Amino acid sequence: MSLYEDLVTQTQMNYSSYYGQYAAGQTPYQLSQKAALPYEEQIKNFAKQVKDAECIIIGGASGLSAAGGGDFYYEDNESYRKYFGKYAEKYGFNGAFDGMMHQYQTREEHWGYLATFLHTTQTAPVRQPYLDLDAILKGKEFHILTTNQDTQFMKLYDEKQVSEIQGDHRFFQCSRQCHDEIWDAVKPVEDMIKAMGDGTSIPKEMIPRCPQCGAEMFPWVRGYGNFLQGRKYDRQYEKISNYIEKHKTEKILFIELGVGRMTPMFIQEPFWNLTLTLPDARYIAVNDKYDFLPKQIEDKGIVIVNNIATVLEDVRKEAGKK
């Protein structure tokens, strides 16, 4: 087991032990009681920390995409209606994930919705918070760790710079995990969308099937089915682990963006652990709801509670980046 996967495994055990607190939107860790700096000073601090860092690890979670308009997952809002309108009208779903959990009468309609879901993220433009973050990182040594499956980071960076530990909407796997292989999902999904037109179902013959066992394929993502934790999955943890091992004695800055209370074990708590144990590590978190900074690292980190898009834009401007 790689270094970072071991950290995740430890924090998952902690999550299970204190599930009640996490479910209530809390944390079992003792938090800092230090008063937050004024917003303007926080932005200056953020920009200076980036400038001074010898390397940076970004932890990008769902709040980062939501801040740029990818906010259709959990509610029936304008964004959801824009991309999933025909399903919203037919079923009254309360967001994209609601539709993913629905038991459709036919597999053709199930795949119609699934194709719509994947196509929405596969073809989305790079959202503004990602562009601002990219500008902030220009000229710096960095690595991206993300739980987002929406491919936003992959539209900006080479695969070697990004660790996608929760999967990627661009790939299919065998739903039975009959073997360790993944396939391109972009072209098949594009074809499904064209064939579906204004309807809500795809032709039966377009349902993708595993060439080895004949079972239906499924997106290579955690959360919707039997997630394949094979070679590609292991490689994601190897990339982030190797990066930490290579740079652990340097001035390393961990930047956490948009972690909620459902998955603190993948980015937030490992970042806390690493900030505490690595001698020259520093930590910055941006969140629109939670002001969680453990007391043990209060002198090595800050939390900015504000809209992520606003913060990244302001940091970019403060850093003088176009």
Protein backbone atom coordinates (compact mmCIF):
# COMPACT_ATOMS: atom_id res chain seq x y z
CA MET A 1 0.00 0.00 0.00
CA SER A 2 1.37 3.41 -0.98
CA LEU A 3 2.01 6.23 1.47
CA TYR A 4 -1.07 8.26 0.59
CA GLU A 5 -3.43 5.31 0.37
CA ASP A 6 -2.28 4.28 3.83
CA LEU A 7 -3.19 7.75 5.13
CA VAL A 8 -6.62 7.48 3.52
CA THR A 9 -7.18 4.05 5.04
CA GLN A 10 -6.34 5.37 8.51
CA THR A 11 -8.72 8.32 8.17
CA GLN A 12 -11.49 6.06 6.87
CA MET A 13 -11.22 4.08 10.09
CA ASN A 14 -11.48 7.34 12.02
CA TYR A 15 -14.54 8.31 9.99
CA SER A 16 -16.26 5.04 10.90
CA SER A 17 -15.47 5.47 14.59
CA TYR A 18 -16.88 9.01 14.73
CA TYR A 19 -19.53 8.76 12.03
CA GLY A 20 -22.17 10.54 14.11
CA GLN A 21 -20.08 13.67 14.36
CA TYR A 22 -19.22 13.67 10.68
CA ALA A 23 -22.87 13.10 9.72
CA ALA A 24 -23.78 16.14 11.83
CA GLY A 25 -21.33 18.28 9.86
CA GLN A 26 -18.71 18.27 12.60
CA THR A 27 -15.25 16.82 13.20
CA PRO A 28 -13.82 14.86 16.15
CA TYR A 29 -10.58 16.87 16.04
CA GLN A 30 -9.86 19.67 18.51
CA LEU A 31 -10.05 22.85 16.48
CA SER A 32 -8.09 26.07 16.74
CA GLN A 33 -9.71 28.94 18.61
CA LYS A 34 -7.53 31.60 17.02
CA ALA A 35 -9.45 34.46 15.46
CA ALA A 36 -9.35 34.54 11.68
CA LEU A 37 -7.47 37.36 9.98
CA PRO A 38 -9.45 39.95 8.01
CA TYR A 39 -10.27 38.72 4.51
CA GLU A 40 -7.82 41.05 2.76
CA GLU A 41 -4.98 39.78 4.94
CA GLN A 42 -5.98 36.18 4.27
CA ILE A 43 -5.71 36.81 0.54
CA LYS A 44 -2.28 38.43 0.92
CA ASN A 45 -1.20 35.48 3.10
CA PHE A 46 -2.44 32.99 0.49
CA ALA A 47 -0.56 34.72 -2.34
CA LYS A 48 2.63 34.96 -0.25
CA GLN A 49 2.46 31.29 0.76
CA VAL A 50 2.22 30.30 -2.91
CA LYS A 51 5.16 32.55 -3.78
CA ASP A 52 7.32 31.18 -0.96
CA ALA A 53 6.48 27.49 -1.50
CA GLU A 54 9.00 25.27 -3.23
CA CYS A 55 6.20 22.92 -4.25
CA ILE A 56 2.42 22.80 -3.95
CA ILE A 57 -0.13 20.02 -3.64
CA ILE A 58 -3.69 20.95 -4.58
CA GLY A 59 -6.57 18.99 -3.09
CA GLY A 60 -9.55 19.69 -5.36
CA ALA A 61 -12.97 18.52 -4.17
CA SER A 62 -16.61 19.02 -5.19
CA GLY A 63 -16.87 22.57 -3.85
CA LEU A 64 -14.29 23.72 -6.40
CA SER A 65 -16.42 22.63 -9.36
CA ALA A 66 -19.63 23.83 -7.72
CA ALA A 67 -18.15 27.31 -7.33
CA GLY A 68 -17.71 27.48 -11.10
CA GLY A 69 -21.22 26.38 -12.03
CA GLY A 70 -20.94 22.61 -11.64
CA ASP A 71 -23.65 22.76 -8.98
CA PHE A 72 -26.28 20.48 -10.52
CA TYR A 73 -25.53 17.35 -8.52
CA TYR A 74 -27.67 17.80 -5.42
CA GLU A 75 -30.47 20.21 -6.35
CA ASP A 76 -33.01 21.02 -9.03
CA ASN A 77 -31.58 24.39 -10.01
CA GLU A 78 -30.97 26.36 -13.20
CA SER A 79 -27.85 24.35 -14.03
CA TYR A 80 -29.67 21.06 -13.60
CA ARG A 81 -32.53 22.18 -15.81
CA LYS A 82 -30.07 23.33 -18.48
CA TYR A 83 -28.45 19.91 -18.85
CA PHE A 84 -31.08 17.47 -17.57
CA GLY A 85 -34.30 19.34 -18.35
CA LYS A 86 -36.16 16.51 -20.08
CA TYR A 87 -35.53 14.16 -17.13
CA ALA A 88 -36.42 16.87 -14.61
CA GLU A 89 -39.75 17.38 -16.38
CA LYS A 90 -40.48 13.66 -16.65
CA TYR A 91 -39.38 12.53 -13.18
CA GLY A 92 -38.98 15.60 -10.97
CA PHE A 93 -35.47 14.66 -9.91
CA ASN A 94 -33.81 16.82 -7.28
CA GLY A 95 -30.40 17.04 -8.95
CA ALA A 96 -28.18 14.83 -11.09
CA PHE A 97 -27.35 12.26 -8.39
CA ASP A 98 -31.07 11.77 -7.72
CA GLY A 99 -31.48 10.64 -11.31
CA MET A 100 -28.47 8.36 -11.05
CA MET A 101 -30.11 6.47 -8.17
CA HIS A 102 -33.49 6.06 -9.92
CA GLN A 103 -34.66 2.59 -10.95
CA TYR A 104 -35.67 3.07 -14.58
CA GLN A 105 -38.11 0.67 -16.24
CA THR A 106 -35.66 -0.10 -19.06
CA ARG A 107 -31.89 -0.32 -19.38
CA GLU A 108 -32.19 1.85 -22.47
CA GLU A 109 -33.51 4.75 -20.41
CA HIS A 110 -31.04 4.09 -17.62
CA TRP A 111 -28.26 4.48 -20.16
CA GLY A 112 -29.95 7.52 -21.66
CA TYR A 113 -29.67 9.27 -18.33
CA LEU A 114 -26.18 7.94 -17.67
CA ALA A 115 -25.00 9.15 -21.09
CA THR A 116 -26.51 12.58 -20.40
CA PHE A 117 -24.73 12.72 -17.06
CA LEU A 118 -21.35 11.76 -18.52
CA HIS A 119 -21.70 13.95 -21.61
CA THR A 120 -22.46 16.98 -19.43
CA THR A 121 -19.12 16.74 -17.65
CA GLN A 122 -17.07 15.40 -20.55
CA THR A 123 -17.97 18.39 -22.74
CA ALA A 124 -18.12 21.14 -20.10
CA PRO A 125 -15.67 24.02 -20.62
CA VAL A 126 -12.97 24.57 -18.02
CA ARG A 127 -14.68 26.51 -15.24
CA GLN A 128 -13.38 29.89 -14.10
CA PRO A 129 -12.11 28.81 -10.64
CA TYR A 130 -9.90 26.23 -12.37
CA LEU A 131 -8.56 28.88 -14.74
CA ASP A 132 -7.78 31.21 -11.83
CA LEU A 133 -6.08 28.37 -9.97
CA ASP A 134 -4.07 27.54 -13.08
CA ALA A 135 -2.89 31.16 -13.27
CA ILE A 136 -1.93 31.12 -9.58
CA LEU A 137 0.16 27.98 -10.12
CA LYS A 138 2.01 29.29 -13.18
CA GLY A 139 5.76 28.92 -12.69
CA LYS A 140 5.39 26.72 -9.59
CA GLU A 141 6.22 23.07 -9.01
CA PHE A 142 2.89 21.34 -8.20
CA HIS A 143 0.76 18.21 -8.21
CA ILE A 144 -3.03 17.87 -8.25
CA LEU A 145 -4.94 15.42 -6.07
CA THR A 146 -8.67 15.31 -6.75
CA THR A 147 -11.80 13.43 -5.79
CA ASN A 148 -13.67 15.13 -8.66
CA GLN A 149 -14.57 12.81 -11.52
CA ASP A 150 -15.70 15.59 -13.87
CA THR A 151 -12.41 15.79 -15.85
CA GLN A 152 -11.89 19.53 -15.23
CA PHE A 153 -8.27 19.12 -14.16
CA MET A 154 -7.59 16.74 -17.05
CA LYS A 155 -8.57 19.49 -19.49
CA LEU A 156 -5.70 21.59 -18.14
CA TYR A 157 -2.90 19.22 -17.19
CA ASP A 158 -1.01 16.15 -18.28
CA GLU A 159 -2.09 12.92 -16.60
CA LYS A 160 1.22 12.63 -14.73
CA GLN A 161 0.40 15.85 -12.82
CA VAL A 162 -3.01 14.68 -11.59
CA SER A 163 -4.03 11.92 -9.18
CA GLU A 164 -7.72 11.03 -9.69
CA ILE A 165 -8.34 8.78 -6.72
CA GLN A 166 -12.12 8.53 -7.23
CA GLY A 167 -12.17 7.74 -10.93
CA ASP A 168 -12.84 9.64 -14.17
CA HIS A 169 -15.96 10.12 -16.32
CA ARG A 170 -13.91 9.54 -19.49
CA PHE A 171 -13.64 5.78 -18.95
CA PHE A 172 -15.77 2.64 -18.79
CA GLN A 173 -15.02 -0.54 -16.85
CA CYS A 174 -16.67 -3.94 -16.71
CA SER A 175 -19.51 -3.78 -14.18
CA ARG A 176 -18.53 -7.26 -12.97
CA GLN A 177 -14.81 -6.40 -12.73
CA CYS A 178 -14.12 -9.55 -14.75
CA HIS A 179 -10.65 -8.22 -15.54
CA ASP A 180 -8.40 -5.23 -14.95
CA GLU A 181 -9.11 -3.06 -17.98
CA ILE A 182 -10.81 0.25 -18.74
CA TRP A 183 -12.05 1.68 -22.04
CA ASP A 184 -12.73 5.06 -23.56
CA ALA A 185 -16.20 6.38 -22.75
CA VAL A 186 -16.10 9.71 -24.60
CA LYS A 187 -16.86 8.49 -28.15
CA PRO A 188 -19.53 5.95 -27.11
CA VAL A 189 -21.28 8.57 -24.99
CA GLU A 190 -21.20 11.09 -27.83
CA ASP A 191 -22.80 8.50 -30.11
CA MET A 192 -25.50 7.72 -27.52
CA ILE A 193 -26.41 11.39 -27.18
CA LYS A 194 -26.76 11.77 -30.96
CA ALA A 195 -28.88 8.62 -31.24
CA MET A 196 -31.14 9.62 -28.33
CA GLY A 197 -32.01 13.06 -29.73
CA ASP A 198 -34.90 14.61 -27.81
CA GLY A 199 -35.88 11.29 -26.24
CA THR A 200 -34.78 9.84 -22.93
CA SER A 201 -33.60 6.37 -24.05
CA ILE A 202 -30.82 5.05 -26.26
CA PRO A 203 -31.17 2.14 -28.73
CA LYS A 204 -30.71 -1.20 -26.99
CA GLU A 205 -27.79 -2.18 -29.22
CA MET A 206 -25.81 0.87 -28.03
CA ILE A 207 -25.63 -0.29 -24.41
CA PRO A 208 -21.86 -0.81 -23.99
CA ARG A 209 -20.79 -4.29 -23.01
CA CYS A 210 -17.55 -5.81 -21.77
CA PRO A 211 -15.74 -7.52 -24.67
CA GLN A 212 -14.53 -10.23 -22.27
CA CYS A 213 -17.67 -11.39 -20.42
CA GLY A 214 -20.55 -9.54 -22.11
CA ALA A 215 -21.72 -7.74 -18.96
CA GLU A 216 -22.76 -4.11 -19.16
CA MET A 217 -19.95 -1.65 -18.75
CA PHE A 218 -20.10 1.08 -16.17
CA PRO A 219 -18.32 4.42 -15.62
CA TRP A 220 -14.94 4.05 -13.94
CA VAL A 221 -16.02 6.06 -10.91
CA ARG A 222 -16.55 5.38 -7.24
CA GLY A 223 -20.06 5.81 -5.93
CA TYR A 224 -22.32 4.49 -8.71
CA GLY A 225 -21.38 0.84 -8.88
CA ASN A 226 -18.66 -1.77 -8.55
CA PHE A 227 -15.63 0.56 -8.77
CA LEU A 228 -12.57 -1.15 -10.25
CA GLN A 229 -9.58 -0.64 -7.97
CA GLY A 230 -7.04 -2.06 -10.36
CA ARG A 231 -3.86 -0.89 -12.04
CA LYS A 232 -5.09 2.55 -13.04
CA TYR A 233 -6.48 3.13 -9.54
CA ASP A 234 -3.20 2.06 -7.93
CA ARG A 235 -1.32 4.39 -10.27
CA GLN A 236 -3.27 7.38 -8.96
CA TYR A 237 -2.11 6.73 -5.40
CA GLU A 238 1.42 6.02 -6.58
CA LYS A 239 1.64 9.42 -8.29
CA ILE A 240 0.65 11.43 -5.22
CA SER A 241 2.71 9.21 -2.89
CA ASN A 242 5.82 9.50 -5.05
CA TYR A 243 5.40 13.26 -5.26
CA ILE A 244 5.22 13.60 -1.48
CA GLU A 245 8.23 11.34 -0.97
CA LYS A 246 10.24 13.35 -3.47
CA HIS A 247 9.41 16.76 -1.96
CA LYS A 248 8.81 16.00 1.73
CA THR A 249 11.86 17.94 2.95
CA GLU A 250 11.00 21.05 0.93
CA LYS A 251 8.72 24.00 1.69
CA ILE A 252 5.55 22.23 0.66
CA LEU A 253 2.16 23.95 0.61
CA PHE A 254 -1.06 21.93 0.83
CA ILE A 255 -4.06 23.77 -0.61
CA GLU A 256 -7.45 22.21 0.11
CA LEU A 257 -10.37 23.46 -2.00
CA GLY A 258 -14.01 22.62 -1.35
CA VAL A 259 -14.00 19.51 0.84
CA GLY A 260 -17.42 18.69 2.32
CA ARG A 261 -18.33 16.47 5.24
CA MET A 262 -19.04 13.30 3.23
CA THR A 263 -15.43 12.65 2.17
CA PRO A 264 -12.93 14.30 4.56
CA MET A 265 -10.85 11.11 4.51
CA PHE A 266 -9.51 11.56 0.97
CA ILE A 267 -8.05 15.07 1.08
CA GLN A 268 -8.70 17.03 4.26
CA GLU A 269 -7.51 14.75 7.02
CA PRO A 270 -4.48 13.35 5.13
CA PHE A 271 -3.48 16.96 4.45
CA TRP A 272 -3.79 17.73 8.17
CA ASN A 273 -1.63 14.73 8.99
CA LEU A 274 1.05 15.67 6.45
CA THR A 275 1.08 19.31 7.52
CA LEU A 276 1.68 18.21 11.09
CA THR A 277 4.42 15.67 10.32
CA LEU A 278 6.41 17.30 7.51
CA PRO A 279 8.79 19.92 8.95
CA ASP A 280 8.34 22.69 6.37
CA ALA A 281 4.75 21.99 5.36
CA ARG A 282 2.05 24.67 5.33
CA TYR A 283 -1.71 24.36 4.83
CA ILE A 284 -4.43 26.56 3.34
CA ALA A 285 -8.09 25.56 3.05
CA VAL A 286 -10.89 27.40 1.28
CA ASN A 287 -14.46 26.43 2.06
CA ASP A 288 -17.77 28.24 1.82
CA LYS A 289 -19.16 26.59 4.97
CA TYR A 290 -16.64 25.01 7.32
CA ASP A 291 -13.94 26.69 9.39
CA PHE A 292 -12.02 23.57 10.40
CA LEU A 293 -8.37 24.06 11.41
CA PRO A 294 -6.96 21.56 13.93
CA LYS A 295 -5.31 23.13 16.95
CA GLN A 296 -2.19 21.06 16.33
CA ILE A 297 -1.48 22.89 13.06
CA GLU A 298 -2.90 26.33 13.88
CA ASP A 299 0.54 27.90 13.46
CA LYS A 300 1.06 26.21 10.11
CA GLY A 301 -2.26 26.84 8.41
CA ILE A 302 -5.23 29.08 7.69
CA VAL A 303 -8.81 28.50 6.62
CA ILE A 304 -10.65 31.01 4.45
CA VAL A 305 -14.42 30.73 4.71
CA ASN A 306 -15.74 32.31 1.54
CA ASN A 307 -16.84 31.54 -2.00
CA ILE A 308 -14.01 29.58 -3.63
CA ALA A 309 -14.41 31.33 -6.98
CA THR A 310 -14.10 34.73 -5.29
CA VAL A 311 -11.05 33.69 -3.26
CA LEU A 312 -9.14 32.26 -6.22
CA GLU A 313 -9.90 35.31 -8.34
CA ASP A 314 -8.70 37.62 -5.56
CA VAL A 315 -5.53 35.60 -4.96
CA ARG A 316 -4.79 35.63 -8.69
CA LYS A 317 -5.14 39.41 -8.74
CA GLU A 318 -3.07 39.81 -5.58
CA ALA A 319 -0.33 37.69 -7.15
CA GLY A 320 -0.42 39.81 -10.30
CA LYS A 321 -1.26 36.83 -12.50
CA LYS A 322 -3.28 37.31 -15.70
